[in-house]
Amino acid sequence: MLFDSHVAILLDTAVAMVNALTDGHQGSRPYAAPKGDELPGAIGEVLPGGVAVSMDEALYLAGSTLKVRRVFEAMEAGREDDAAAVVNALVVSTGARPQLDRAPGEPWQVHFHGADDTLAVGWSAGFASALTLAIGSDLGGRLGVCRAAPCDRVYVDSSRNAVRQFCSRSCQSRVKAAAFRARTRPA
């Protein structure tokens, strides 16, 4: 296991938020992120437990998500200093802090909270903390942006050998099929 389960959940949720809330390309198709009245529902579908999200919370999380995308893009481009600067600013703005929490019948676990316990600040602080742990260790290189042009969805590489390059099997298959066709095309 690369990340502790809480950090893995935070990183997976950050990836899902970035991929759901930022415009770009999903696979070979243009992707338009939800806007306006669609935003709270879209975020509620991404967050674990399908929680209700207010418009103010949705706007805050959408802003945090744009910063998280910048972190993935900077790490993919080998600009760790830029990624660290964005994460540090997110840590400060959310007041991210660790805290020991325990569910009934479970052992104590480190969770991350924000300066207040609102949904938006709490999740944003969690994203900032998880990214801090990834970049501050030898696992920062596992934050990536899909290499299947024109796709720009992000991912966390949890493979054993750190060889993942694509956001999905679909993008991986599309690139491999194109490479095969190029190799087998008559000259």
C-alpha atoms as a PDB file:
ATOM      1  CA  MET A   1       0.000   0.000   0.000  1.00  0.00           C
ATOM      2  CA  LEU A   2       1.401   3.396  -0.959  1.00  0.00           C
ATOM      3  CA  PHE A   3      -0.752   5.777   1.051  1.00  0.00           C
ATOM      4  CA  ASP A   4      -2.592   5.229   4.319  1.00  0.00           C
ATOM      5  CA  SER A   5      -6.283   4.600   3.704  1.00  0.00           C
ATOM      6  CA  HIS A   6      -7.431   8.083   4.744  1.00  0.00           C
ATOM      7  CA  VAL A   7      -4.833   9.779   2.529  1.00  0.00           C
ATOM      8  CA  ALA A   8      -5.752   7.442  -0.348  1.00  0.00           C
ATOM      9  CA  ILE A   9      -9.432   8.406   0.022  1.00  0.00           C
ATOM     10  CA  LEU A  10      -8.526  12.103   0.040  1.00  0.00           C
ATOM     11  CA  LEU A  11      -6.312  11.759  -3.052  1.00  0.00           C
ATOM     12  CA  ASP A  12      -8.906   9.661  -4.893  1.00  0.00           C
ATOM     13  CA  THR A  13     -11.589  12.216  -4.052  1.00  0.00           C
ATOM     14  CA  ALA A  14      -9.303  15.068  -5.154  1.00  0.00           C
ATOM     15  CA  VAL A  15      -8.780  13.286  -8.492  1.00  0.00           C
ATOM     16  CA  ALA A  16     -12.519  12.753  -8.902  1.00  0.00           C
ATOM     17  CA  MET A  17     -13.195  16.410  -8.086  1.00  0.00           C
ATOM     18  CA  VAL A  18     -10.572  17.693 -10.542  1.00  0.00           C
ATOM     19  CA  ASN A  19     -11.832  15.407 -13.281  1.00  0.00           C
ATOM     20  CA  ALA A  20     -15.469  16.339 -12.656  1.00  0.00           C
ATOM     21  CA  LEU A  21     -15.055  20.088 -12.095  1.00  0.00           C
ATOM     22  CA  THR A  22     -12.488  21.241 -14.641  1.00  0.00           C
ATOM     23  CA  ASP A  23     -13.005  21.836 -18.339  1.00  0.00           C
ATOM     24  CA  GLY A  24     -10.758  20.077 -20.825  1.00  0.00           C
ATOM     25  CA  HIS A  25     -10.805  16.703 -22.533  1.00  0.00           C
ATOM     26  CA  GLN A  26     -11.982  13.358 -21.221  1.00  0.00           C
ATOM     27  CA  GLY A  27     -10.438  10.790 -23.483  1.00  0.00           C
ATOM     28  CA  SER A  28     -10.667  12.178 -26.993  1.00  0.00           C
ATOM     29  CA  ARG A  29     -13.811  14.233 -26.322  1.00  0.00           C
ATOM     30  CA  PRO A  30     -14.115  17.795 -25.043  1.00  0.00           C
ATOM     31  CA  TYR A  31     -15.379  17.946 -21.467  1.00  0.00           C
ATOM     32  CA  ALA A  32     -17.343  20.861 -20.028  1.00  0.00           C
ATOM     33  CA  ALA A  33     -17.487  20.965 -16.244  1.00  0.00           C
ATOM     34  CA  PRO A  34     -20.840  21.558 -14.560  1.00  0.00           C
ATOM     35  CA  LYS A  35     -21.597  25.207 -13.892  1.00  0.00           C
ATOM     36  CA  GLY A  36     -24.235  27.236 -12.099  1.00  0.00           C
ATOM     37  CA  ASP A  37     -27.084  25.311 -10.544  1.00  0.00           C
ATOM     38  CA  GLU A  38     -25.554  21.982 -11.654  1.00  0.00           C
ATOM     39  CA  LEU A  39     -22.419  22.497  -9.550  1.00  0.00           C
ATOM     40  CA  PRO A  40     -23.686  21.519  -6.050  1.00  0.00           C
ATOM     41  CA  GLY A  41     -25.259  18.289  -7.312  1.00  0.00           C
ATOM     42  CA  ALA A  42     -22.156  17.333  -9.269  1.00  0.00           C
ATOM     43  CA  ILE A  43     -19.965  17.824  -6.206  1.00  0.00           C
ATOM     44  CA  GLY A  44     -22.426  15.919  -4.034  1.00  0.00           C
ATOM     45  CA  GLU A  45     -22.119  12.958  -6.402  1.00  0.00           C
ATOM     46  CA  VAL A  46     -18.315  12.999  -6.196  1.00  0.00           C
ATOM     47  CA  LEU A  47     -17.962  13.290  -2.415  1.00  0.00           C
ATOM     48  CA  PRO A  48     -18.190   9.990  -0.526  1.00  0.00           C
ATOM     49  CA  GLY A  49     -21.619   9.426   0.945  1.00  0.00           C
ATOM     50  CA  GLY A  50     -23.452  11.569  -1.620  1.00  0.00           C
ATOM     51  CA  VAL A  51     -23.807  14.553   0.715  1.00  0.00           C
ATOM     52  CA  ALA A  52     -25.911  17.629   0.042  1.00  0.00           C
ATOM     53  CA  VAL A  53     -23.775  20.617  -0.946  1.00  0.00           C
ATOM     54  CA  SER A  54     -24.852  24.264  -0.795  1.00  0.00           C
ATOM     55  CA  MET A  55     -23.988  26.697  -3.582  1.00  0.00           C
ATOM     56  CA  ASP A  56     -21.481  28.532  -1.334  1.00  0.00           C
ATOM     57  CA  GLU A  57     -19.766  25.233  -0.471  1.00  0.00           C
ATOM     58  CA  ALA A  58     -19.776  24.224  -4.137  1.00  0.00           C
ATOM     59  CA  LEU A  59     -18.133  27.478  -5.204  1.00  0.00           C
ATOM     60  CA  TYR A  60     -15.470  27.159  -2.495  1.00  0.00           C
ATOM     61  CA  LEU A  61     -14.722  23.549  -3.466  1.00  0.00           C
ATOM     62  CA  ALA A  62     -14.641  24.429  -7.165  1.00  0.00           C
ATOM     63  CA  GLY A  63     -12.009  27.071  -6.396  1.00  0.00           C
ATOM     64  CA  SER A  64      -9.969  24.604  -4.341  1.00  0.00           C
ATOM     65  CA  THR A  65     -10.266  22.060  -7.131  1.00  0.00           C
ATOM     66  CA  LEU A  66      -8.716  24.465  -9.643  1.00  0.00           C
ATOM     67  CA  LYS A  67      -5.720  24.793  -7.296  1.00  0.00           C
ATOM     68  CA  VAL A  68      -5.487  21.008  -6.931  1.00  0.00           C
ATOM     69  CA  ARG A  69      -5.422  20.687 -10.756  1.00  0.00           C
ATOM     70  CA  ARG A  70      -2.490  23.112 -10.838  1.00  0.00           C
ATOM     71  CA  VAL A  71      -0.643  20.830  -8.408  1.00  0.00           C
ATOM     72  CA  PHE A  72      -1.124  17.773 -10.650  1.00  0.00           C
ATOM     73  CA  GLU A  73      -0.074  19.736 -13.731  1.00  0.00           C
ATOM     74  CA  ALA A  74       3.037  21.083 -12.008  1.00  0.00           C
ATOM     75  CA  MET A  75       4.059  17.632 -10.762  1.00  0.00           C
ATOM     76  CA  GLU A  76       3.529  16.130 -14.226  1.00  0.00           C
ATOM     77  CA  ALA A  77       5.758  18.846 -15.705  1.00  0.00           C
ATOM     78  CA  GLY A  78       8.475  18.291 -13.080  1.00  0.00           C
ATOM     79  CA  ARG A  79       7.843  21.652 -11.417  1.00  0.00           C
ATOM     80  CA  GLU A  80       7.797  20.476  -7.791  1.00  0.00           C
ATOM     81  CA  ASP A  81       8.529  23.963  -6.438  1.00  0.00           C
ATOM     82  CA  ASP A  82       5.412  25.332  -8.155  1.00  0.00           C
ATOM     83  CA  ALA A  83       3.310  22.422  -6.865  1.00  0.00           C
ATOM     84  CA  ALA A  84       4.627  22.930  -3.325  1.00  0.00           C
ATOM     85  CA  ALA A  85       3.825  26.648  -3.449  1.00  0.00           C
ATOM     86  CA  VAL A  86       0.219  25.954  -4.453  1.00  0.00           C
ATOM     87  CA  VAL A  87      -0.177  23.269  -1.780  1.00  0.00           C
ATOM     88  CA  ASN A  88       1.358  25.476   0.914  1.00  0.00           C
ATOM     89  CA  ALA A  89      -1.020  28.299   0.015  1.00  0.00           C
ATOM     90  CA  LEU A  90      -3.960  25.865   0.195  1.00  0.00           C
ATOM     91  CA  VAL A  91      -2.795  24.584   3.596  1.00  0.00           C
ATOM     92  CA  VAL A  92      -2.626  28.152   4.934  1.00  0.00           C
ATOM     93  CA  SER A  93      -5.947  29.270   3.428  1.00  0.00           C
ATOM     94  CA  THR A  94      -7.822  26.266   4.847  1.00  0.00           C
ATOM     95  CA  GLY A  95      -6.029  26.110   8.193  1.00  0.00           C
ATOM     96  CA  ALA A  96      -5.394  22.414   7.550  1.00  0.00           C
ATOM     97  CA  ARG A  97      -4.553  20.468  10.694  1.00  0.00           C
ATOM     98  CA  PRO A  98      -4.219  16.814  11.631  1.00  0.00           C
ATOM     99  CA  GLN A  99      -6.484  15.346  14.265  1.00  0.00           C
ATOM    100  CA  LEU A 100      -6.926  11.890  15.747  1.00  0.00           C
ATOM    101  CA  ASP A 101     -10.453  10.565  15.161  1.00  0.00           C
ATOM    102  CA  ARG A 102     -11.972   7.205  15.945  1.00  0.00           C
ATOM    103  CA  ALA A 103     -15.098   5.533  14.680  1.00  0.00           C
ATOM    104  CA  PRO A 104     -16.843   3.187  17.131  1.00  0.00           C
ATOM    105  CA  GLY A 105     -14.953  -0.113  17.338  1.00  0.00           C
ATOM    106  CA  GLU A 106     -12.026   1.216  15.282  1.00  0.00           C
ATOM    107  CA  PRO A 107      -8.527   2.283  16.316  1.00  0.00           C
ATOM    108  CA  TRP A 108      -7.489   5.935  16.368  1.00  0.00           C
ATOM    109  CA  GLN A 109      -6.718   7.315  12.917  1.00  0.00           C
ATOM    110  CA  VAL A 110      -5.141  10.542  11.678  1.00  0.00           C
ATOM    111  CA  HIS A 111      -7.684  12.639   9.794  1.00  0.00           C
ATOM    112  CA  PHE A 112      -7.346  16.172   8.486  1.00  0.00           C
ATOM    113  CA  HIS A 113      -9.602  19.082   9.264  1.00  0.00           C
ATOM    114  CA  GLY A 114      -9.794  22.743   8.340  1.00  0.00           C
ATOM    115  CA  ALA A 115      -9.915  25.875  10.454  1.00  0.00           C
ATOM    116  CA  ASP A 116     -13.654  25.286  10.689  1.00  0.00           C
ATOM    117  CA  ASP A 117     -15.679  22.139  10.266  1.00  0.00           C
ATOM    118  CA  THR A 118     -17.648  23.188   7.209  1.00  0.00           C
ATOM    119  CA  LEU A 119     -17.849  20.677   4.398  1.00  0.00           C
ATOM    120  CA  ALA A 120     -15.994  22.854   1.875  1.00  0.00           C
ATOM    121  CA  VAL A 121     -13.120  23.916   4.133  1.00  0.00           C
ATOM    122  CA  GLY A 122     -12.805  20.424   5.602  1.00  0.00           C
ATOM    123  CA  TRP A 123     -12.494  18.696   2.226  1.00  0.00           C
ATOM    124  CA  SER A 124     -10.183  21.401   0.884  1.00  0.00           C
ATOM    125  CA  ALA A 125      -7.963  21.042   3.954  1.00  0.00           C
ATOM    126  CA  GLY A 126      -7.974  17.281   3.472  1.00  0.00           C
ATOM    127  CA  PHE A 127      -6.914  17.640  -0.164  1.00  0.00           C
ATOM    128  CA  ALA A 128      -4.136  20.046   0.860  1.00  0.00           C
ATOM    129  CA  SER A 129      -2.915  17.689   3.594  1.00  0.00           C
ATOM    130  CA  ALA A 130      -2.926  14.618   1.353  1.00  0.00           C
ATOM    131  CA  LEU A 131      -1.038  16.493  -1.380  1.00  0.00           C
ATOM    132  CA  THR A 132       1.443  17.711   1.250  1.00  0.00           C
ATOM    133  CA  LEU A 133       2.112  14.132   2.322  1.00  0.00           C
ATOM    134  CA  ALA A 134       2.492  12.962  -1.287  1.00  0.00           C
ATOM    135  CA  ILE A 135       4.815  15.751  -2.429  1.00  0.00           C
ATOM    136  CA  GLY A 136       6.738  15.767   0.849  1.00  0.00           C
ATOM    137  CA  SER A 137       7.604  12.100   0.412  1.00  0.00           C
ATOM    138  CA  ASP A 138       8.935  10.088  -2.483  1.00  0.00           C
ATOM    139  CA  LEU A 139       5.370   9.594  -3.737  1.00  0.00           C
ATOM    140  CA  GLY A 140       4.877  13.008  -5.353  1.00  0.00           C
ATOM    141  CA  GLY A 141       5.828  11.549  -8.732  1.00  0.00           C
ATOM    142  CA  ARG A 142       2.697   9.431  -8.575  1.00  0.00           C
ATOM    143  CA  LEU A 143       0.481  12.458  -9.219  1.00  0.00           C
ATOM    144  CA  GLY A 144      -0.087  12.600 -12.968  1.00  0.00           C
ATOM    145  CA  VAL A 145      -1.987  13.978 -15.925  1.00  0.00           C
ATOM    146  CA  CYS A 146      -3.133  11.554 -18.624  1.00  0.00           C
ATOM    147  CA  ARG A 147      -0.635  11.266 -21.485  1.00  0.00           C
ATOM    148  CA  ALA A 148      -3.233  10.202 -24.066  1.00  0.00           C
ATOM    149  CA  ALA A 149      -3.643  13.332 -26.174  1.00  0.00           C
ATOM    150  CA  PRO A 150      -5.859  15.292 -25.979  1.00  0.00           C
ATOM    151  CA  CYS A 151      -7.066  13.900 -22.614  1.00  0.00           C
ATOM    152  CA  ASP A 152      -6.097  15.993 -19.597  1.00  0.00           C
ATOM    153  CA  ARG A 153      -7.751  14.109 -16.734  1.00  0.00           C
ATOM    154  CA  VAL A 154      -5.610  13.536 -13.633  1.00  0.00           C
ATOM    155  CA  TYR A 155      -4.799  10.369 -11.669  1.00  0.00           C
ATOM    156  CA  VAL A 156      -2.804   8.991  -8.746  1.00  0.00           C
ATOM    157  CA  ASP A 157      -0.532   6.128  -9.743  1.00  0.00           C
ATOM    158  CA  SER A 158      -1.062   3.342  -7.225  1.00  0.00           C
ATOM    159  CA  SER A 159       0.623   0.704  -9.380  1.00  0.00           C
ATOM    160  CA  ARG A 160       3.346  -1.374  -7.806  1.00  0.00           C
ATOM    161  CA  ASN A 161       6.041  -0.241 -10.250  1.00  0.00           C
ATOM    162  CA  ALA A 162       5.009   3.432 -10.659  1.00  0.00           C
ATOM    163  CA  VAL A 163       4.426   3.007 -14.406  1.00  0.00           C
ATOM    164  CA  ARG A 164       0.924   4.417 -14.855  1.00  0.00           C
ATOM    165  CA  GLN A 165       0.628   7.096 -17.546  1.00  0.00           C
ATOM    166  CA  PHE A 166      -3.093   7.223 -18.269  1.00  0.00           C
ATOM    167  CA  CYS A 167      -6.242   8.239 -16.410  1.00  0.00           C
ATOM    168  CA  SER A 168      -8.126   5.136 -17.526  1.00  0.00           C
ATOM    169  CA  ARG A 169      -7.837   1.847 -19.362  1.00  0.00           C
ATOM    170  CA  SER A 170      -9.787   3.435 -22.199  1.00  0.00           C
ATOM    171  CA  CYS A 171      -7.085   6.066 -22.783  1.00  0.00           C
ATOM    172  CA  GLN A 172      -4.351   3.447 -22.425  1.00  0.00           C
ATOM    173  CA  SER A 173      -6.044   1.202 -24.989  1.00  0.00           C
ATOM    174  CA  ARG A 174      -6.582   4.096 -27.403  1.00  0.00           C
ATOM    175  CA  VAL A 175      -2.866   4.989 -27.325  1.00  0.00           C
ATOM    176  CA  LYS A 176      -1.740   1.373 -27.653  1.00  0.00           C
ATOM    177  CA  ALA A 177      -4.109   0.771 -30.584  1.00  0.00           C
ATOM    178  CA  ALA A 178      -2.843   3.905 -32.358  1.00  0.00           C
ATOM    179  CA  ALA A 179       0.778   2.822 -31.815  1.00  0.00           C
ATOM    180  CA  PHE A 180      -0.020  -0.655 -33.174  1.00  0.00           C
ATOM    181  CA  ARG A 181      -1.717   0.803 -36.250  1.00  0.00           C
ATOM    182  CA  ALA A 182       1.277   3.081 -36.840  1.00  0.00           C
ATOM    183  CA  ARG A 183       3.710   0.135 -36.596  1.00  0.00           C
ATOM    184  CA  THR A 184       1.726  -2.131 -38.891  1.00  0.00           C
ATOM    185  CA  ARG A 185       0.807   0.496 -41.511  1.00  0.00           C
ATOM    186  CA  PRO A 186       2.465  -0.233 -44.843  1.00  0.00           C
ATOM    187  CA  ALA A 187       5.274   2.180 -45.665  1.00  0.00           C
END
